Amino acid sequence: MSTIMPIARATLTALAAAGLIASAASAQAQPAAKPARADRPCFSLSDWHGWSSPSRDILYMKVRNKDVYRLDLAYGSSQLNWPGSHIVSVVRGSDRVCAPIDLDLRVSDGFGMGIPIRAKTITKLTPEEIAAIPKKDRP
């Protein structure tokens, strides 16, 4: 058995105490981790049941027959307002949509290639915001 000298023992105790104080100070200095966003507007493409577009830069998507999501488009298309136009969604991997990057949309009139449209924001609308959409523009 080895015996630690009193000076060495005091030094070890002081170092241990300093380490605890430093780690406590560090924990207080660091901001708390951000909680997961419960309000993130996630939905599954299989729950998407309709759309409308009041302008070339806005797309409303009806999801689960009760929710409406507004997509502000980075580059839309006037073809969104043409009669007979439809939206084509290309799914690669999961069909879960939580951010604009999760969408690969194209608008098509049924003839030729679909025109890509890119969302820059996705916003789940409140019941009040849905009610404020003119009836002709609701999905």
C-alpha atoms as a PDB file:
ATOM      1  CA  MET A   1       0.000   0.000   0.000  1.00  0.00           C
ATOM      2  CA  SER A   2       1.258   3.393  -0.822  1.00  0.00           C
ATOM      3  CA  THR A   3       0.776   6.336   1.403  1.00  0.00           C
ATOM      4  CA  ILE A   4       0.015   9.690  -0.141  1.00  0.00           C
ATOM      5  CA  MET A   5       1.816  12.502   1.540  1.00  0.00           C
ATOM      6  CA  PRO A   6      -0.408  15.158   3.164  1.00  0.00           C
ATOM      7  CA  ILE A   7       0.772  17.865   0.743  1.00  0.00           C
ATOM      8  CA  ALA A   8       0.095  15.677  -2.278  1.00  0.00           C
ATOM      9  CA  ARG A   9      -3.336  14.759  -0.887  1.00  0.00           C
ATOM     10  CA  ALA A  10      -4.189  18.455  -0.388  1.00  0.00           C
ATOM     11  CA  THR A  11      -3.033  19.227  -3.944  1.00  0.00           C
ATOM     12  CA  LEU A  12      -5.179  16.416  -5.386  1.00  0.00           C
ATOM     13  CA  THR A  13      -8.180  17.602  -3.391  1.00  0.00           C
ATOM     14  CA  ALA A  14      -7.665  21.188  -4.585  1.00  0.00           C
ATOM     15  CA  LEU A  15      -7.334  20.070  -8.212  1.00  0.00           C
ATOM     16  CA  ALA A  16     -10.471  17.941  -7.991  1.00  0.00           C
ATOM     17  CA  ALA A  17     -12.428  20.840  -6.472  1.00  0.00           C
ATOM     18  CA  ALA A  18     -11.143  23.212  -9.163  1.00  0.00           C
ATOM     19  CA  GLY A  19     -12.203  20.737 -11.850  1.00  0.00           C
ATOM     20  CA  LEU A  20     -15.740  20.514 -10.427  1.00  0.00           C
ATOM     21  CA  ILE A  21     -16.027  24.290 -10.241  1.00  0.00           C
ATOM     22  CA  ALA A  22     -14.731  24.688 -13.798  1.00  0.00           C
ATOM     23  CA  SER A  23     -17.162  22.108 -15.191  1.00  0.00           C
ATOM     24  CA  ALA A  24     -20.077  23.718 -13.322  1.00  0.00           C
ATOM     25  CA  ALA A  25     -19.116  27.148 -14.685  1.00  0.00           C
ATOM     26  CA  SER A  26     -18.790  25.717 -18.172  1.00  0.00           C
ATOM     27  CA  ALA A  27     -22.247  24.140 -17.956  1.00  0.00           C
ATOM     28  CA  GLN A  28     -23.739  27.478 -16.902  1.00  0.00           C
ATOM     29  CA  ALA A  29     -21.941  29.394 -19.653  1.00  0.00           C
ATOM     30  CA  GLN A  30     -23.215  27.115 -22.419  1.00  0.00           C
ATOM     31  CA  PRO A  31     -26.714  27.865 -23.672  1.00  0.00           C
ATOM     32  CA  ALA A  32     -29.275  25.158 -23.133  1.00  0.00           C
ATOM     33  CA  ALA A  33     -29.751  22.825 -26.064  1.00  0.00           C
ATOM     34  CA  LYS A  34     -32.634  23.855 -28.277  1.00  0.00           C
ATOM     35  CA  PRO A  35     -35.672  21.643 -27.772  1.00  0.00           C
ATOM     36  CA  ALA A  36     -37.003  19.775 -30.770  1.00  0.00           C
ATOM     37  CA  ARG A  37     -39.493  21.940 -32.624  1.00  0.00           C
ATOM     38  CA  ALA A  38     -42.921  20.524 -31.929  1.00  0.00           C
ATOM     39  CA  ASP A  39     -44.443  23.173 -34.202  1.00  0.00           C
ATOM     40  CA  ARG A  40     -42.419  22.094 -37.223  1.00  0.00           C
ATOM     41  CA  PRO A  41     -44.848  21.747 -40.121  1.00  0.00           C
ATOM     42  CA  CYS A  42     -44.307  18.074 -40.970  1.00  0.00           C
ATOM     43  CA  PHE A  43     -46.684  15.979 -43.035  1.00  0.00           C
ATOM     44  CA  SER A  44     -46.623  12.936 -45.241  1.00  0.00           C
ATOM     45  CA  LEU A  45     -47.131  13.343 -48.984  1.00  0.00           C
ATOM     46  CA  SER A  46     -49.588  10.438 -48.842  1.00  0.00           C
ATOM     47  CA  ASP A  47     -51.816  12.724 -46.691  1.00  0.00           C
ATOM     48  CA  TRP A  48     -51.876  15.465 -49.354  1.00  0.00           C
ATOM     49  CA  HIS A  49     -55.359  15.697 -50.898  1.00  0.00           C
ATOM     50  CA  GLY A  50     -55.594  18.788 -53.042  1.00  0.00           C
ATOM     51  CA  TRP A  51     -54.038  22.107 -53.876  1.00  0.00           C
ATOM     52  CA  SER A  52     -54.778  25.567 -55.184  1.00  0.00           C
ATOM     53  CA  SER A  53     -52.702  28.522 -56.290  1.00  0.00           C
ATOM     54  CA  PRO A  54     -53.922  32.115 -56.112  1.00  0.00           C
ATOM     55  CA  SER A  55     -50.725  33.334 -57.819  1.00  0.00           C
ATOM     56  CA  ARG A  56     -47.561  32.038 -59.434  1.00  0.00           C
ATOM     57  CA  ASP A  57     -45.642  32.351 -56.135  1.00  0.00           C
ATOM     58  CA  ILE A  58     -48.092  30.784 -53.654  1.00  0.00           C
ATOM     59  CA  LEU A  59     -49.338  27.220 -53.401  1.00  0.00           C
ATOM     60  CA  TYR A  60     -51.853  25.992 -50.840  1.00  0.00           C
ATOM     61  CA  MET A  61     -51.815  22.264 -50.041  1.00  0.00           C
ATOM     62  CA  LYS A  62     -54.681  20.505 -48.284  1.00  0.00           C
ATOM     63  CA  VAL A  63     -53.330  17.797 -45.968  1.00  0.00           C
ATOM     64  CA  ARG A  64     -55.334  15.205 -44.014  1.00  0.00           C
ATOM     65  CA  ASN A  65     -58.552  16.867 -45.267  1.00  0.00           C
ATOM     66  CA  LYS A  66     -58.342  19.482 -42.507  1.00  0.00           C
ATOM     67  CA  ASP A  67     -54.913  21.127 -42.525  1.00  0.00           C
ATOM     68  CA  VAL A  68     -53.743  23.672 -45.060  1.00  0.00           C
ATOM     69  CA  TYR A  69     -50.092  24.444 -45.708  1.00  0.00           C
ATOM     70  CA  ARG A  70     -48.943  27.546 -47.562  1.00  0.00           C
ATOM     71  CA  LEU A  71     -45.876  27.196 -49.739  1.00  0.00           C
ATOM     72  CA  ASP A  72     -44.166  30.411 -50.736  1.00  0.00           C
ATOM     73  CA  LEU A  73     -42.372  29.564 -53.943  1.00  0.00           C
ATOM     74  CA  ALA A  74     -38.840  30.671 -54.792  1.00  0.00           C
ATOM     75  CA  TYR A  75     -39.702  30.231 -58.425  1.00  0.00           C
ATOM     76  CA  GLY A  76     -43.233  29.363 -59.284  1.00  0.00           C
ATOM     77  CA  SER A  77     -45.021  29.197 -62.588  1.00  0.00           C
ATOM     78  CA  SER A  78     -48.009  30.917 -64.182  1.00  0.00           C
ATOM     79  CA  GLN A  79     -48.936  27.391 -65.308  1.00  0.00           C
ATOM     80  CA  LEU A  80     -50.225  26.817 -61.748  1.00  0.00           C
ATOM     81  CA  ASN A  81     -53.319  28.809 -62.767  1.00  0.00           C
ATOM     82  CA  TRP A  82     -53.956  27.113 -66.090  1.00  0.00           C
ATOM     83  CA  PRO A  83     -57.028  24.906 -66.407  1.00  0.00           C
ATOM     84  CA  GLY A  84     -56.108  21.212 -66.329  1.00  0.00           C
ATOM     85  CA  SER A  85     -52.728  21.752 -64.651  1.00  0.00           C
ATOM     86  CA  HIS A  86     -51.630  19.293 -62.019  1.00  0.00           C
ATOM     87  CA  ILE A  87     -48.771  18.993 -59.542  1.00  0.00           C
ATOM     88  CA  VAL A  88     -46.319  16.131 -59.780  1.00  0.00           C
ATOM     89  CA  SER A  89     -44.344  15.240 -56.665  1.00  0.00           C
ATOM     90  CA  VAL A  90     -41.158  13.224 -57.028  1.00  0.00           C
ATOM     91  CA  VAL A  91     -40.398  11.174 -53.913  1.00  0.00           C
ATOM     92  CA  ARG A  92     -36.876  10.001 -53.176  1.00  0.00           C
ATOM     93  CA  GLY A  93     -36.690   8.065 -49.930  1.00  0.00           C
ATOM     94  CA  SER A  94     -39.109   9.145 -47.222  1.00  0.00           C
ATOM     95  CA  ASP A  95     -42.303  10.946 -48.186  1.00  0.00           C
ATOM     96  CA  ARG A  96     -42.169  13.013 -44.975  1.00  0.00           C
ATOM     97  CA  VAL A  97     -42.107  16.765 -45.583  1.00  0.00           C
ATOM     98  CA  CYS A  98     -40.733  19.038 -42.849  1.00  0.00           C
ATOM     99  CA  ALA A  99     -38.781  21.623 -44.858  1.00  0.00           C
ATOM    100  CA  PRO A 100     -38.829  23.045 -48.393  1.00  0.00           C
ATOM    101  CA  ILE A 101     -35.851  20.863 -49.374  1.00  0.00           C
ATOM    102  CA  ASP A 102     -38.051  17.786 -48.793  1.00  0.00           C
ATOM    103  CA  LEU A 103     -40.261  18.711 -51.746  1.00  0.00           C
ATOM    104  CA  ASP A 104     -39.504  18.062 -55.406  1.00  0.00           C
ATOM    105  CA  LEU A 105     -42.544  19.487 -57.196  1.00  0.00           C
ATOM    106  CA  ARG A 106     -43.356  20.069 -60.835  1.00  0.00           C
ATOM    107  CA  VAL A 107     -46.401  21.607 -62.470  1.00  0.00           C
ATOM    108  CA  SER A 108     -47.645  19.987 -65.646  1.00  0.00           C
ATOM    109  CA  ASP A 109     -50.459  20.492 -68.106  1.00  0.00           C
ATOM    110  CA  GLY A 110     -50.291  16.833 -69.108  1.00  0.00           C
ATOM    111  CA  PHE A 111     -48.390  17.549 -72.323  1.00  0.00           C
ATOM    112  CA  GLY A 112     -44.606  17.551 -72.342  1.00  0.00           C
ATOM    113  CA  MET A 113     -42.242  18.002 -69.421  1.00  0.00           C
ATOM    114  CA  GLY A 114     -43.276  19.255 -65.986  1.00  0.00           C
ATOM    115  CA  ILE A 115     -41.903  22.628 -64.934  1.00  0.00           C
ATOM    116  CA  PRO A 116     -40.010  22.533 -61.597  1.00  0.00           C
ATOM    117  CA  ILE A 117     -41.344  24.732 -58.820  1.00  0.00           C
ATOM    118  CA  ARG A 118     -39.323  25.269 -55.638  1.00  0.00           C
ATOM    119  CA  ALA A 119     -40.709  26.111 -52.224  1.00  0.00           C
ATOM    120  CA  LYS A 120     -38.764  28.573 -50.092  1.00  0.00           C
ATOM    121  CA  THR A 121     -41.046  28.316 -47.036  1.00  0.00           C
ATOM    122  CA  ILE A 122     -43.729  25.968 -45.738  1.00  0.00           C
ATOM    123  CA  THR A 123     -46.216  27.304 -43.210  1.00  0.00           C
ATOM    124  CA  LYS A 124     -49.017  25.377 -41.538  1.00  0.00           C
ATOM    125  CA  LEU A 125     -51.968  27.756 -41.420  1.00  0.00           C
ATOM    126  CA  THR A 126     -54.144  28.288 -38.375  1.00  0.00           C
ATOM    127  CA  PRO A 127     -57.929  27.852 -38.668  1.00  0.00           C
ATOM    128  CA  GLU A 128     -58.241  31.655 -38.723  1.00  0.00           C
ATOM    129  CA  GLU A 129     -55.720  31.952 -41.571  1.00  0.00           C
ATOM    130  CA  ILE A 130     -57.549  29.233 -43.523  1.00  0.00           C
ATOM    131  CA  ALA A 131     -60.861  31.072 -43.053  1.00  0.00           C
ATOM    132  CA  ALA A 132     -59.223  34.271 -44.374  1.00  0.00           C
ATOM    133  CA  ILE A 133     -58.354  32.627 -47.721  1.00  0.00           C
ATOM    134  CA  PRO A 134     -60.962  33.605 -50.334  1.00  0.00           C
ATOM    135  CA  LYS A 135     -63.220  30.629 -51.131  1.00  0.00           C
ATOM    136  CA  LYS A 136     -62.105  30.563 -54.769  1.00  0.00           C
ATOM    137  CA  ASP A 137     -58.472  30.136 -53.638  1.00  0.00           C
ATOM    138  CA  ARG A 138     -58.972  27.419 -51.001  1.00  0.00           C
ATOM    139  CA  PRO A 139     -57.599  23.965 -51.784  1.00  0.00           C
END
